[in-house]
C-alpha atoms as a PDB file:
ATOM      1  CA  MET A   1     255.795 188.667  64.283  1.00  0.00           C
ATOM      2  CA  LEU A   2     256.718 192.192  65.457  1.00  0.00           C
ATOM      3  CA  GLU A   3     253.158 192.775  66.685  1.00  0.00           C
ATOM      4  CA  ARG A   4     254.433 193.727  70.147  1.00  0.00           C
ATOM      5  CA  GLU A   5     256.915 196.226  68.681  1.00  0.00           C
ATOM      6  CA  TYR A   6     254.333 197.757  66.363  1.00  0.00           C
ATOM      7  CA  GLN A   7     251.795 198.143  69.170  1.00  0.00           C
ATOM      8  CA  HIS A   8     254.462 199.890  71.251  1.00  0.00           C
ATOM      9  CA  TYR A   9     255.195 202.211  68.325  1.00  0.00           C
ATOM     10  CA  LYS A  10     251.500 203.074  68.045  1.00  0.00           C
ATOM     11  CA  SER A  11     251.306 203.734  71.797  1.00  0.00           C
ATOM     12  CA  ILE A  12     254.205 206.252  71.731  1.00  0.00           C
ATOM     13  CA  LEU A  13     253.532 207.804  68.317  1.00  0.00           C
ATOM     14  CA  LYS A  14     251.793 210.913  69.647  1.00  0.00           C
ATOM     15  CA  ASP A  15     254.738 211.634  71.964  1.00  0.00           C
ATOM     16  CA  ILE A  16     257.511 211.125  69.401  1.00  0.00           C
ATOM     17  CA  LEU A  17     255.972 212.859  66.379  1.00  0.00           C
ATOM     18  CA  LYS A  18     257.046 216.357  67.417  1.00  0.00           C
ATOM     19  CA  ASP A  19     260.757 215.592  67.800  1.00  0.00           C
ATOM     20  CA  HIS A  20     261.190 212.702  65.360  1.00  0.00           C
ATOM     21  CA  HIS A  21     258.729 213.238  62.503  1.00  0.00           C
ATOM     22  CA  GLY A  22     260.036 211.581  59.340  1.00  0.00           C
ATOM     23  CA  GLU A  23     262.857 209.750  61.114  1.00  0.00           C
ATOM     24  CA  TYR A  24     263.089 205.984  61.526  1.00  0.00           C
ATOM     25  CA  VAL A  25     262.758 204.413  64.954  1.00  0.00           C
ATOM     26  CA  VAL A  26     264.230 201.046  65.949  1.00  0.00           C
ATOM     27  CA  ILE A  27     262.176 199.140  68.525  1.00  0.00           C
ATOM     28  CA  VAL A  28     263.000 195.818  70.192  1.00  0.00           C
ATOM     29  CA  GLY A  29     260.215 194.455  72.368  1.00  0.00           C
ATOM     30  CA  GLU A  30     258.856 197.584  74.027  1.00  0.00           C
ATOM     31  CA  GLU A  31     262.156 199.449  74.044  1.00  0.00           C
ATOM     32  CA  VAL A  32     263.115 202.244  71.658  1.00  0.00           C
ATOM     33  CA  LYS A  33     266.732 201.687  70.672  1.00  0.00           C
ATOM     34  CA  GLY A  34     267.189 204.877  68.658  1.00  0.00           C
ATOM     35  CA  TYR A  35     266.063 207.275  65.944  1.00  0.00           C
ATOM     36  CA  PHE A  36     267.778 207.559  62.575  1.00  0.00           C
ATOM     37  CA  PRO A  37     267.449 209.933  59.602  1.00  0.00           C
ATOM     38  CA  THR A  38     267.432 207.087  57.057  1.00  0.00           C
ATOM     39  CA  LEU A  39     265.999 203.606  56.727  1.00  0.00           C
ATOM     40  CA  GLU A  40     269.443 202.296  55.901  1.00  0.00           C
ATOM     41  CA  GLY A  41     270.903 203.821  59.061  1.00  0.00           C
ATOM     42  CA  ALA A  42     268.208 202.245  61.228  1.00  0.00           C
ATOM     43  CA  TYR A  43     268.604 198.842  59.611  1.00  0.00           C
ATOM     44  CA  THR A  44     272.408 199.011  59.842  1.00  0.00           C
ATOM     45  CA  TYR A  45     272.089 199.807  63.550  1.00  0.00           C
ATOM     46  CA  GLY A  46     269.918 196.726  64.039  1.00  0.00           C
ATOM     47  CA  GLN A  47     272.396 194.506  62.239  1.00  0.00           C
ATOM     48  CA  ALA A  48     275.381 196.011  64.079  1.00  0.00           C
ATOM     49  CA  ASN A  49     273.695 195.143  67.378  1.00  0.00           C
ATOM     50  CA  ASN A  50     273.172 191.545  66.249  1.00  0.00           C
ATOM     51  CA  TYR A  51     269.371 191.757  66.072  1.00  0.00           C
ATOM     52  CA  GLU A  52     268.034 189.140  63.687  1.00  0.00           C
ATOM     53  CA  VAL A  53     265.670 190.153  60.897  1.00  0.00           C
ATOM     54  CA  GLY A  54     262.206 189.820  62.410  1.00  0.00           C
ATOM     55  CA  ASP A  55     263.432 190.577  65.944  1.00  0.00           C
ATOM     56  CA  PHE A  56     263.461 194.364  65.590  1.00  0.00           C
ATOM     57  CA  LEU A  57     261.073 196.871  64.081  1.00  0.00           C
ATOM     58  CA  VAL A  58     262.196 199.732  61.877  1.00  0.00           C
ATOM     59  CA  GLN A  59     259.314 202.159  61.452  1.00  0.00           C
ATOM     60  CA  GLN A  60     259.198 205.626  59.931  1.00  0.00           C
ATOM     61  CA  VAL A  61     257.619 208.103  62.347  1.00  0.00           C
ATOM     62  CA  LEU A  62     254.620 209.459  60.456  1.00  0.00           C
ATOM     63  CA  THR A  63     251.079 210.549  61.254  1.00  0.00           C
ATOM     64  CA  ASP A  64     248.319 208.041  60.521  1.00  0.00           C
ATOM     65  CA  ASP A  65     247.381 210.102  57.441  1.00  0.00           C
ATOM     66  CA  GLU A  66     250.926 209.860  56.060  1.00  0.00           C
ATOM     67  CA  SER A  67     251.484 206.230  56.949  1.00  0.00           C
ATOM     68  CA  THR A  68     251.982 203.549  54.331  1.00  0.00           C
ATOM     69  CA  SER A  69     252.740 199.875  54.676  1.00  0.00           C
ATOM     70  CA  ILE A  70     256.044 198.597  53.380  1.00  0.00           C
ATOM     71  CA  TYR A  71     256.936 194.943  53.727  1.00  0.00           C
ATOM     72  CA  HIS A  72     260.485 193.736  53.301  1.00  0.00           C
ATOM     73  CA  SER A  73     261.466 190.202  52.455  1.00  0.00           C
ATOM     74  CA  ARG A  74     264.716 188.311  52.341  1.00  0.00           C
ATOM     75  CA  VAL A  75     263.584 186.663  49.105  1.00  0.00           C
ATOM     76  CA  PHE A  76     265.321 187.543  45.849  1.00  0.00           C
ATOM     77  CA  ILE A  77     263.473 186.948  42.587  1.00  0.00           C
ATOM     78  CA  SER A  78     265.415 187.137  39.352  1.00  0.00           C
END
Protein backbone atom coordinates (compact mmCIF):
# COMPACT_ATOMS: atom_id res chain seq x y z
CA MET A 1 0.00 0.00 0.00
CA LEU A 2 1.34 3.43 -1.05
CA GLU A 3 4.52 1.84 -2.40
CA ARG A 4 4.00 3.51 -5.79
CA GLU A 5 3.53 6.93 -4.16
CA TYR A 6 6.55 6.52 -1.91
CA GLN A 7 8.77 5.44 -4.81
CA HIS A 8 7.63 8.53 -6.73
CA TYR A 9 8.48 10.69 -3.72
CA LYS A 10 11.97 9.18 -3.57
CA SER A 11 12.45 9.76 -7.31
CA ILE A 12 11.62 13.50 -7.06
CA LEU A 13 13.15 14.19 -3.64
CA LYS A 14 16.38 15.71 -4.96
CA ASP A 15 14.40 18.15 -7.14
CA ILE A 16 11.92 19.27 -4.48
CA LEU A 17 14.24 19.61 -1.48
CA LYS A 18 15.44 23.11 -2.38
CA ASP A 19 12.00 24.72 -2.63
CA HIS A 20 9.98 22.55 -0.25
CA HIS A 21 12.32 21.39 2.52
CA GLY A 22 10.34 20.69 5.69
CA GLU A 23 6.95 20.98 3.99
CA TYR A 24 4.52 18.11 3.49
CA VAL A 25 3.78 16.81 0.01
CA VAL A 26 0.58 15.03 -1.01
CA ILE A 27 1.04 12.39 -3.71
CA VAL A 28 -1.63 10.29 -5.43
CA GLY A 29 -0.24 7.64 -7.75
CA GLU A 30 2.68 9.41 -9.38
CA GLU A 31 1.14 12.87 -9.22
CA VAL A 32 2.08 15.58 -6.72
CA LYS A 33 -1.13 17.24 -5.60
CA GLY A 34 0.44 19.98 -3.49
CA TYR A 35 2.82 21.12 -0.77
CA PHE A 36 1.67 22.21 2.67
CA PRO A 37 3.40 23.79 5.69
CA THR A 38 1.77 21.38 8.16
CA LEU A 39 0.85 17.72 8.34
CA GLU A 40 -2.68 18.68 9.28
CA GLY A 41 -3.00 20.92 6.22
CA ALA A 42 -1.82 18.15 3.90
CA TYR A 43 -4.13 15.58 5.45
CA THR A 44 -7.09 17.99 5.38
CA TYR A 45 -6.43 18.60 1.68
CA GLY A 46 -6.53 14.86 1.03
CA GLN A 47 -9.81 14.47 2.87
CA ALA A 48 -11.34 17.54 1.19
CA ASN A 49 -10.56 15.98 -2.19
CA ASN A 50 -12.27 12.74 -1.18
CA TYR A 51 -9.09 10.64 -1.15
CA GLU A 52 -9.53 7.63 1.11
CA VAL A 53 -6.98 6.92 3.83
CA GLY A 54 -4.43 4.66 2.16
CA ASP A 55 -5.02 6.15 -1.30
CA PHE A 56 -2.78 9.19 -0.85
CA LEU A 57 0.66 9.72 0.63
CA VAL A 58 1.50 12.58 2.95
CA GLN A 59 5.27 12.80 3.31
CA GLN A 60 7.45 15.44 4.91
CA VAL A 61 10.16 16.60 2.50
CA LEU A 62 13.41 15.82 4.30
CA THR A 63 16.88 14.62 3.38
CA ASP A 64 17.62 10.93 3.94
CA ASP A 65 19.65 11.89 7.03
CA GLU A 66 16.69 13.74 8.55
CA SER A 67 14.06 11.20 7.59
CA THR A 68 12.11 9.23 10.16
CA SER A 69 9.31 6.75 9.75
CA ILE A 70 5.92 7.63 11.15
CA TYR A 71 3.02 5.24 10.75
CA HIS A 72 -0.55 6.37 11.29
CA SER A 73 -3.42 4.08 12.09
CA ARG A 74 -7.16 4.49 12.29
CA VAL A 75 -7.17 2.35 15.43
CA PHE A 76 -7.98 3.94 18.78
CA ILE A 77 -6.80 2.22 21.94
CA SER A 78 -8.18 3.38 25.26
